[in-house]
PDB file of N, CA and C in Angstrom:
ATOM      1  N   UNK A   1       0.704  -1.080   0.052  1.00  0.00           N
ATOM      2  CA  UNK A   1       0.085  -0.094  -0.109  1.00  0.00           C
ATOM      3  C   UNK A   1       0.780   1.206   0.027  1.00  0.00           C
ATOM      4  N   UNK A   2       0.541   2.153  -0.757  1.00  0.00           N
ATOM      5  CA  UNK A   2       1.495   3.230  -1.017  1.00  0.00           C
ATOM      6  C   UNK A   2       0.723   4.604  -0.209  1.00  0.00           C
ATOM      7  N   UNK A   3       1.625   5.733  -0.115  1.00  0.00           N
ATOM      8  CA  UNK A   3       0.918   6.921   0.767  1.00  0.00           C
ATOM      9  C   UNK A   3      -0.503   7.251   0.259  1.00  0.00           C
ATOM     10  N   UNK A   4      -0.615   7.189  -1.207  1.00  0.00           N
ATOM     11  CA  UNK A   4      -1.830   7.800  -1.819  1.00  0.00           C
ATOM     12  C   UNK A   4      -2.884   6.615  -1.312  1.00  0.00           C
ATOM     13  N   UNK A   5      -2.712   5.449  -1.576  1.00  0.00           N
ATOM     14  CA  UNK A   5      -3.710   4.590  -1.018  1.00  0.00           C
ATOM     15  C   UNK A   5      -3.881   4.464   0.468  1.00  0.00           C
ATOM     16  N   UNK A   6      -3.018   4.654   1.474  1.00  0.00           N
ATOM     17  CA  UNK A   6      -3.301   4.881   2.900  1.00  0.00           C
ATOM     18  C   UNK A   6      -4.183   6.148   2.921  1.00  0.00           C
ATOM     19  N   UNK A   7      -3.903   7.123   2.189  1.00  0.00           N
ATOM     20  CA  UNK A   7      -4.884   8.422   2.265  1.00  0.00           C
ATOM     21  C   UNK A   7      -6.288   7.981   2.003  1.00  0.00           C
ATOM     22  N   UNK A   8      -6.348   7.350   0.845  1.00  0.00           N
ATOM     23  CA  UNK A   8      -7.611   7.106   0.240  1.00  0.00           C
ATOM     24  C   UNK A   8      -8.267   5.863   1.499  1.00  0.00           C
ATOM     25  N   UNK A   9      -7.715   5.041   2.011  1.00  0.00           N
ATOM     26  CA  UNK A   9      -8.127   4.152   2.835  1.00  0.00           C
ATOM     27  C   UNK A   9      -8.820   4.819   4.167  1.00  0.00           C
ATOM     28  N   UNK A  10      -7.929   5.749   4.693  1.00  0.00           N
ATOM     29  CA  UNK A  10      -8.375   6.469   5.782  1.00  0.00           C
ATOM     30  C   UNK A  10      -9.620   7.186   5.734  1.00  0.00           C
ATOM     31  N   UNK A  11      -9.717   7.762   4.445  1.00  0.00           N
ATOM     32  CA  UNK A  11     -10.575   8.705   4.070  1.00  0.00           C
ATOM     33  C   UNK A  11     -12.088   7.656   3.905  1.00  0.00           C
ATOM     34  N   UNK A  12     -11.988   6.484   3.395  1.00  0.00           N
ATOM     35  CA  UNK A  12     -13.070   5.505   3.258  1.00  0.00           C
ATOM     36  C   UNK A  12     -13.409   5.221   4.730  1.00  0.00           C
ATOM     37  N   UNK A  13     -12.475   4.881   5.569  1.00  0.00           N
ATOM     38  CA  UNK A  13     -12.894   4.576   6.784  1.00  0.00           C
ATOM     39  C   UNK A  13     -13.735   5.421   7.520  1.00  0.00           C
ATOM     40  N   UNK A  14     -13.061   6.781   7.401  1.00  0.00           N
ATOM     41  CA  UNK A  14     -13.993   7.726   8.157  1.00  0.00           C
ATOM     42  C   UNK A  14     -15.315   7.936   7.542  1.00  0.00           C
ATOM     43  N   UNK A  15     -15.542   7.946   6.128  1.00  0.00           N
ATOM     44  CA  UNK A  15     -16.875   8.259   5.384  1.00  0.00           C
ATOM     45  C   UNK A  15     -17.581   6.979   6.020  1.00  0.00           C
ATOM     46  N   UNK A  16     -17.460   5.741   5.866  1.00  0.00           N
ATOM     47  CA  UNK A  16     -18.104   4.585   6.145  1.00  0.00           C
ATOM     48  C   UNK A  16     -18.558   4.747   7.677  1.00  0.00           C
ATOM     49  N   UNK A  17     -17.776   5.039   8.540  1.00  0.00           N
ATOM     50  CA  UNK A  17     -18.024   5.108   9.946  1.00  0.00           C
ATOM     51  C   UNK A  17     -19.206   6.125  10.134  1.00  0.00           C
ATOM     52  N   UNK A  18     -18.976   7.212   9.626  1.00  0.00           N
ATOM     53  CA  UNK A  18     -19.553   8.451  10.025  1.00  0.00           C
ATOM     54  C   UNK A  18     -21.177   7.902   9.236  1.00  0.00           C
ATOM     55  N   UNK A  19     -21.113   7.580   8.126  1.00  0.00           N
ATOM     56  CA  UNK A  19     -22.463   7.375   7.660  1.00  0.00           C
ATOM     57  C   UNK A  19     -23.195   6.080   8.175  1.00  0.00           C
ATOM     58  N   UNK A  20     -22.529   5.066   8.790  1.00  0.00           N
ATOM     59  CA  UNK A  20     -23.139   4.149   9.507  1.00  0.00           C
ATOM     60  C   UNK A  20     -23.583   4.652  10.991  1.00  0.00           C
ATOM     61  N   UNK A  21     -22.684   5.406  11.378  1.00  0.00           N
ATOM     62  CA  UNK A  21     -23.130   6.105  12.764  1.00  0.00           C
ATOM     63  C   UNK A  21     -24.369   6.914  12.582  1.00  0.00           C
ATOM     64  N   UNK A  22     -24.523   7.525  11.719  1.00  0.00           N
ATOM     65  CA  UNK A  22     -25.546   8.491  11.511  1.00  0.00           C
ATOM     66  C   UNK A  22     -26.859   7.869  11.221  1.00  0.00           C
ATOM     67  N   UNK A  23     -26.587   6.767  10.338  1.00  0.00           N
ATOM     68  CA  UNK A  23     -28.036   5.931   9.903  1.00  0.00           C
ATOM     69  C   UNK A  23     -28.263   5.166  11.242  1.00  0.00           C
ATOM     70  N   UNK A  24     -27.218   4.687  12.012  1.00  0.00           N
ATOM     71  CA  UNK A  24     -27.535   3.698  13.235  1.00  0.00           C
ATOM     72  C   UNK A  24     -28.113   4.813  14.419  1.00  0.00           C
ATOM     73  N   UNK A  25     -27.721   6.032  14.652  1.00  0.00           N
ATOM     74  CA  UNK A  25     -28.352   6.869  15.324  1.00  0.00           C
ATOM     75  C   UNK A  25     -29.896   7.021  14.858  1.00  0.00           C
ATOM     76  N   UNK A  26     -30.169   7.607  13.698  1.00  0.00           N
ATOM     77  CA  UNK A  26     -31.565   7.679  13.515  1.00  0.00           C
ATOM     78  C   UNK A  26     -32.226   6.516  13.610  1.00  0.00           C
ATOM     79  N   UNK A  27     -31.861   5.319  13.316  1.00  0.00           N
ATOM     80  CA  UNK A  27     -32.610   4.273  13.263  1.00  0.00           C
ATOM     81  C   UNK A  27     -32.871   3.977  14.686  1.00  0.00           C
ATOM     82  N   UNK A  28     -31.843   3.818  15.551  1.00  0.00           N
ATOM     83  CA  UNK A  28     -31.904   3.617  16.950  1.00  0.00           C
ATOM     84  C   UNK A  28     -33.054   4.725  17.750  1.00  0.00           C
ATOM     85  N   UNK A  29     -32.897   5.884  17.141  1.00  0.00           N
ATOM     86  CA  UNK A  29     -33.836   6.866  17.739  1.00  0.00           C
ATOM     87  C   UNK A  29     -35.096   6.578  17.401  1.00  0.00           C
ATOM     88  N   UNK A  30     -35.388   6.190  16.106  1.00  0.00           N
ATOM     89  CA  UNK A  30     -36.598   5.865  15.599  1.00  0.00           C
ATOM     90  C   UNK A  30     -37.490   4.721  16.310  1.00  0.00           C
ATOM     91  N   UNK A  31     -36.660   3.706  16.578  1.00  0.00           N
ATOM     92  CA  UNK A  31     -37.192   2.504  17.308  1.00  0.00           C
ATOM     93  C   UNK A  31     -37.028   2.498  18.622  1.00  0.00           C
ATOM     94  N   UNK A  32     -36.449   3.674  19.194  1.00  0.00           N
ATOM     95  CA  UNK A  32     -36.122   3.769  20.486  1.00  0.00           C
ATOM     96  C   UNK A  32     -35.430   2.722  21.278  1.00  0.00           C
ATOM     97  N   UNK A  33     -34.355   2.118  20.616  1.00  0.00           N
ATOM     98  CA  UNK A  33     -33.382   1.097  21.255  1.00  0.00           C
ATOM     99  C   UNK A  33     -32.023   1.421  20.941  1.00  0.00           C
ATOM    100  N   UNK A  34     -31.114   1.535  21.962  1.00  0.00           N
ATOM    101  CA  UNK A  34     -29.555   2.075  21.798  1.00  0.00           C
ATOM    102  C   UNK A  34     -28.978   0.755  21.147  1.00  0.00           C
ATOM    103  N   UNK A  35     -29.338  -0.582  21.364  1.00  0.00           N
ATOM    104  CA  UNK A  35     -28.802  -1.894  20.965  1.00  0.00           C
ATOM    105  C   UNK A  35     -28.791  -1.619  19.316  1.00  0.00           C
ATOM    106  N   UNK A  36     -29.803  -1.225  18.891  1.00  0.00           N
ATOM    107  CA  UNK A  36     -29.861  -1.252  17.151  1.00  0.00           C
ATOM    108  C   UNK A  36     -28.974  -0.177  16.649  1.00  0.00           C
ATOM    109  N   UNK A  37     -28.610   0.831  17.306  1.00  0.00           N
ATOM    110  CA  UNK A  37     -27.710   1.930  16.979  1.00  0.00           C
ATOM    111  C   UNK A  37     -26.232   1.362  17.066  1.00  0.00           C
ATOM    112  N   UNK A  38     -26.076   0.682  18.202  1.00  0.00           N
ATOM    113  CA  UNK A  38     -24.880  -0.217  18.286  1.00  0.00           C
ATOM    114  C   UNK A  38     -24.574  -1.398  17.259  1.00  0.00           C
ATOM    115  N   UNK A  39     -25.507  -1.957  16.887  1.00  0.00           N
ATOM    116  CA  UNK A  39     -25.516  -2.920  15.843  1.00  0.00           C
ATOM    117  C   UNK A  39     -25.186  -2.271  14.498  1.00  0.00           C
ATOM    118  N   UNK A  40     -25.956  -1.248  14.174  1.00  0.00           N
ATOM    119  CA  UNK A  40     -25.688  -0.612  12.668  1.00  0.00           C
ATOM    120  C   UNK A  40     -24.293  -0.362  12.968  1.00  0.00           C
ATOM    121  N   UNK A  41     -23.724   0.359  13.935  1.00  0.00           N
ATOM    122  CA  UNK A  41     -22.264   1.095  13.867  1.00  0.00           C
ATOM    123  C   UNK A  41     -21.303  -0.248  13.761  1.00  0.00           C
ATOM    124  N   UNK A  42     -21.745  -1.166  14.549  1.00  0.00           N
ATOM    125  CA  UNK A  42     -20.824  -2.632  14.249  1.00  0.00           C
ATOM    126  C   UNK A  42     -20.578  -3.162  13.016  1.00  0.00           C
ATOM    127  N   UNK A  43     -21.973  -3.073  12.176  1.00  0.00           N
ATOM    128  CA  UNK A  43     -21.912  -3.532  10.952  1.00  0.00           C
ATOM    129  C   UNK A  43     -21.154  -2.480   9.924  1.00  0.00           C
ATOM    130  N   UNK A  44     -21.113  -1.124  10.480  1.00  0.00           N
ATOM    131  CA  UNK A  44     -20.300  -0.315   9.445  1.00  0.00           C
ATOM    132  C   UNK A  44     -18.880  -0.657   9.894  1.00  0.00           C
ATOM    133  N   UNK A  45     -18.632  -0.807  11.031  1.00  0.00           N
ATOM    134  CA  UNK A  45     -16.953  -1.293  11.460  1.00  0.00           C
ATOM    135  C   UNK A  45     -16.832  -2.349  10.692  1.00  0.00           C
ATOM    136  N   UNK A  46     -17.419  -3.609  10.579  1.00  0.00           N
ATOM    137  CA  UNK A  46     -16.901  -4.599   9.697  1.00  0.00           C
ATOM    138  C   UNK A  46     -16.948  -4.249   8.299  1.00  0.00           C
ATOM    139  N   UNK A  47     -17.631  -3.388   7.617  1.00  0.00           N
ATOM    140  CA  UNK A  47     -17.771  -3.230   6.271  1.00  0.00           C
ATOM    141  C   UNK A  47     -16.461  -2.307   5.941  1.00  0.00           C
ATOM    142  N   UNK A  48     -16.184  -1.425   7.050  1.00  0.00           N
ATOM    143  CA  UNK A  48     -14.840  -0.594   6.737  1.00  0.00           C
ATOM    144  C   UNK A  48     -13.670  -1.775   6.743  1.00  0.00           C
ATOM    145  N   UNK A  49     -13.591  -2.638   7.598  1.00  0.00           N
ATOM    146  CA  UNK A  49     -12.485  -3.398   7.915  1.00  0.00           C
ATOM    147  C   UNK A  49     -12.379  -4.179   6.608  1.00  0.00           C
ATOM    148  N   UNK A  50     -13.455  -4.626   6.068  1.00  0.00           N
ATOM    149  CA  UNK A  50     -13.247  -5.640   4.859  1.00  0.00           C
ATOM    150  C   UNK A  50     -12.793  -4.712   3.719  1.00  0.00           C
ATOM    151  N   UNK A  51     -13.371  -3.374   3.496  1.00  0.00           N
ATOM    152  CA  UNK A  51     -12.657  -2.559   2.546  1.00  0.00           C
ATOM    153  C   UNK A  51     -11.310  -2.044   2.609  1.00  0.00           C
ATOM    154  N   UNK A  52     -10.814  -1.672   3.881  1.00  0.00           N
ATOM    155  CA  UNK A  52      -9.743  -0.878   4.290  1.00  0.00           C
ATOM    156  C   UNK A  52      -8.562  -1.762   4.579  1.00  0.00           C
ATOM    157  N   UNK A  53      -8.850  -2.757   5.309  1.00  0.00           N
ATOM    158  CA  UNK A  53      -7.454  -3.625   5.750  1.00  0.00           C
ATOM    159  C   UNK A  53      -6.758  -4.358   4.720  1.00  0.00           C
ATOM    160  N   UNK A  54      -7.661  -5.407   3.706  1.00  0.00           N
ATOM    161  CA  UNK A  54      -6.636  -5.977   2.811  1.00  0.00           C
ATOM    162  C   UNK A  54      -6.009  -5.124   1.795  1.00  0.00           C
ATOM    163  N   UNK A  55      -4.789  -5.362   1.308  1.00  0.00           N
ATOM    164  CA  UNK A  55      -4.371  -4.446   0.289  1.00  0.00           C
ATOM    165  C   UNK A  55      -4.892  -4.608  -1.033  1.00  0.00           C
ATOM    166  N   UNK A  56      -5.936  -3.976  -1.277  1.00  0.00           N
ATOM    167  CA  UNK A  56      -6.612  -4.072  -2.550  1.00  0.00           C
ATOM    168  C   UNK A  56      -5.866  -3.283  -3.598  1.00  0.00           C
ATOM    169  N   UNK A  57      -5.980  -3.725  -4.869  1.00  0.00           N
ATOM    170  CA  UNK A  57      -5.416  -2.856  -5.897  1.00  0.00           C
ATOM    171  C   UNK A  57      -5.457  -1.550  -6.062  1.00  0.00           C
ATOM    172  N   UNK A  58      -6.679  -1.035  -5.665  1.00  0.00           N
ATOM    173  CA  UNK A  58      -6.974   0.470  -5.706  1.00  0.00           C
ATOM    174  C   UNK A  58      -6.071   1.044  -4.937  1.00  0.00           C
ATOM    175  N   UNK A  59      -5.307   0.454  -3.717  1.00  0.00           N
ATOM    176  CA  UNK A  59      -4.641   1.180  -2.831  1.00  0.00           C
ATOM    177  C   UNK A  59      -3.020   1.060  -3.224  1.00  0.00           C
ATOM    178  N   UNK A  60      -2.918   0.575  -4.243  1.00  0.00           N
ATOM    179  CA  UNK A  60      -1.567   0.444  -5.001  1.00  0.00           C
ATOM    180  C   UNK A  60      -1.373   1.190  -6.366  1.00  0.00           C
ATOM    181  N   UNK A  61      -1.975   2.108  -6.459  1.00  0.00           N
ATOM    182  CA  UNK A  61      -1.712   2.717  -8.082  1.00  0.00           C
ATOM    183  C   UNK A  61      -0.717   3.583  -8.095  1.00  0.00           C
ATOM    184  N   UNK A  62      -0.078   3.987  -7.010  1.00  0.00           N
ATOM    185  CA  UNK A  62       1.025   4.983  -7.040  1.00  0.00           C
ATOM    186  C   UNK A  62       2.485   4.366  -6.399  1.00  0.00           C
ATOM    187  N   UNK A  63       3.222   3.498  -7.028  1.00  0.00           N
ATOM    188  CA  UNK A  63       3.900   2.750  -6.405  1.00  0.00           C
ATOM    189  C   UNK A  63       5.406   3.741  -5.911  1.00  0.00           C
ATOM    190  N   UNK A  64       6.202   3.136  -5.006  1.00  0.00           N
ATOM    191  CA  UNK A  64       7.093   4.161  -4.582  1.00  0.00           C
ATOM    192  C   UNK A  64       8.430   3.660  -5.446  1.00  0.00           C
ATOM    193  N   UNK A  65       9.254   4.524  -5.825  1.00  0.00           N
ATOM    194  CA  UNK A  65      10.600   4.372  -6.490  1.00  0.00           C
ATOM    195  C   UNK A  65      11.606   4.213  -5.406  1.00  0.00           C
ATOM    196  N   UNK A  66      12.111   3.098  -5.256  1.00  0.00           N
ATOM    197  CA  UNK A  66      13.024   2.791  -4.396  1.00  0.00           C
ATOM    198  C   UNK A  66      14.384   3.092  -4.974  1.00  0.00           C
ATOM    199  N   UNK A  67      15.290   3.138  -3.948  1.00  0.00           N
ATOM    200  CA  UNK A  67      16.742   3.240  -4.849  1.00  0.00           C
ATOM    201  C   UNK A  67      17.563   1.888  -5.072  1.00  0.00           C
ATOM    202  N   UNK A  68      17.908   2.124  -5.960  1.00  0.00           N
ATOM    203  CA  UNK A  68      18.701   0.573  -6.403  1.00  0.00           C
ATOM    204  C   UNK A  68      19.759   0.198  -5.377  1.00  0.00           C
ATOM    205  N   UNK A  69      20.017  -0.968  -5.246  1.00  0.00           N
ATOM    206  CA  UNK A  69      20.978  -1.614  -4.327  1.00  0.00           C
ATOM    207  C   UNK A  69      22.281  -1.184  -4.820  1.00  0.00           C
ATOM    208  N   UNK A  70      23.110  -0.795  -3.996  1.00  0.00           N
ATOM    209  CA  UNK A  70      24.728  -0.550  -4.393  1.00  0.00           C
ATOM    210  C   UNK A  70      25.520  -1.691  -4.264  1.00  0.00           C
ATOM    211  N   UNK A  71      26.309  -1.864  -5.211  1.00  0.00           N
ATOM    212  CA  UNK A  71      27.259  -3.163  -5.040  1.00  0.00           C
ATOM    213  C   UNK A  71      28.007  -2.783  -3.739  1.00  0.00           C
ATOM    214  N   UNK A  72      28.297  -4.016  -3.017  1.00  0.00           N
ATOM    215  CA  UNK A  72      29.102  -3.874  -1.717  1.00  0.00           C
ATOM    216  C   UNK A  72      30.648  -3.553  -2.386  1.00  0.00           C
ATOM    217  N   UNK A  73      31.537  -2.944  -1.439  1.00  0.00           N
ATOM    218  CA  UNK A  73      32.754  -2.517  -1.584  1.00  0.00           C
ATOM    219  C   UNK A  73      33.465  -3.427  -0.688  1.00  0.00           C
ATOM    220  N   UNK A  74      34.606  -4.189  -1.286  1.00  0.00           N
ATOM    221  CA  UNK A  74      35.329  -4.833  -0.424  1.00  0.00           C
ATOM    222  C   UNK A  74      36.247  -4.127   0.230  1.00  0.00           C
ATOM    223  N   UNK A  75      36.259  -4.470   1.725  1.00  0.00           N
ATOM    224  CA  UNK A  75      37.290  -3.561   2.399  1.00  0.00           C
ATOM    225  C   UNK A  75      38.595  -4.483   2.658  1.00  0.00           C
ATOM    226  N   UNK A  76      39.721  -3.689   2.671  1.00  0.00           N
ATOM    227  CA  UNK A  76      40.977  -4.420   3.226  1.00  0.00           C
ATOM    228  C   UNK A  76      40.937  -4.241   4.938  1.00  0.00           C
ATOM    229  N   UNK A  77      41.526  -5.172   5.183  1.00  0.00           N
ATOM    230  CA  UNK A  77      41.691  -5.165   6.608  1.00  0.00           C
ATOM    231  C   UNK A  77      43.296  -4.458   7.043  1.00  0.00           C
ATOM    232  N   UNK A  78      42.860  -3.759   7.861  1.00  0.00           N
ATOM    233  CA  UNK A  78      44.414  -2.917   8.043  1.00  0.00           C
ATOM    234  C   UNK A  78      44.731  -3.521   9.662  1.00  0.00           C
ATOM    235  N   UNK A  79      46.168  -3.431   9.968  1.00  0.00           N
ATOM    236  CA  UNK A  79      46.549  -3.647  11.229  1.00  0.00           C
ATOM    237  C   UNK A  79      46.049  -2.524  12.082  1.00  0.00           C
ATOM    238  N   UNK A  80      45.623  -3.026  12.988  1.00  0.00           N
ATOM    239  CA  UNK A  80      44.928  -2.159  14.170  1.00  0.00           C
ATOM    240  C   UNK A  80      46.089  -1.602  15.298  1.00  0.00           C
ATOM    241  N   UNK A  81      47.329  -1.749  14.808  1.00  0.00           N
ATOM    242  CA  UNK A  81      48.243  -1.258  15.613  1.00  0.00           C
ATOM    243  C   UNK A  81      49.052  -2.118  16.498  1.00  0.00           C
ATOM    244  N   UNK A  82      48.492  -3.313  16.606  1.00  0.00           N
ATOM    245  CA  UNK A  82      48.643  -4.461  17.713  1.00  0.00           C
ATOM    246  C   UNK A  82      49.974  -4.915  17.022  1.00  0.00           C
ATOM    247  N   UNK A  83      51.105  -5.178  17.953  1.00  0.00           N
ATOM    248  CA  UNK A  83      52.116  -6.294  17.544  1.00  0.00           C
ATOM    249  C   UNK A  83      51.794  -7.469  17.391  1.00  0.00           C
ATOM    250  N   UNK A  84      52.492  -8.267  16.597  1.00  0.00           N
ATOM    251  CA  UNK A  84      52.260  -9.684  16.455  1.00  0.00           C
ATOM    252  C   UNK A  84      52.948 -10.241  17.587  1.00  0.00           C
ATOM    253  N   UNK A  85      52.875 -11.385  18.097  1.00  0.00           N
ATOM    254  CA  UNK A  85      53.838 -11.829  19.185  1.00  0.00           C
ATOM    255  C   UNK A  85      54.273 -13.255  18.206  1.00  0.00           C
ATOM    256  N   UNK A  86      55.562 -13.333  18.669  1.00  0.00           N
ATOM    257  CA  UNK A  86      56.530 -14.433  17.981  1.00  0.00           C
ATOM    258  C   UNK A  86      56.396 -15.714  18.988  1.00  0.00           C
TER     259      UNK A  86
END
């Protein structure tokens, strides 16, 4: 998932939760049961999880350009100043 995909996923999450929250509140107010409000909001949470959590292709439209791997340089060992014992 790229940065634009993360932005889209977060925006979708907020819109879905807000929509289901408003609908749940109105439905719960209409039938006078708080449990109905909670169930509608929980359903919205599950829908948003199904749409946002998996890495769907719509979240990967702007791939990142990574740097190429540099070839490793061979290092030469130097004496650290210690004298060899005979």
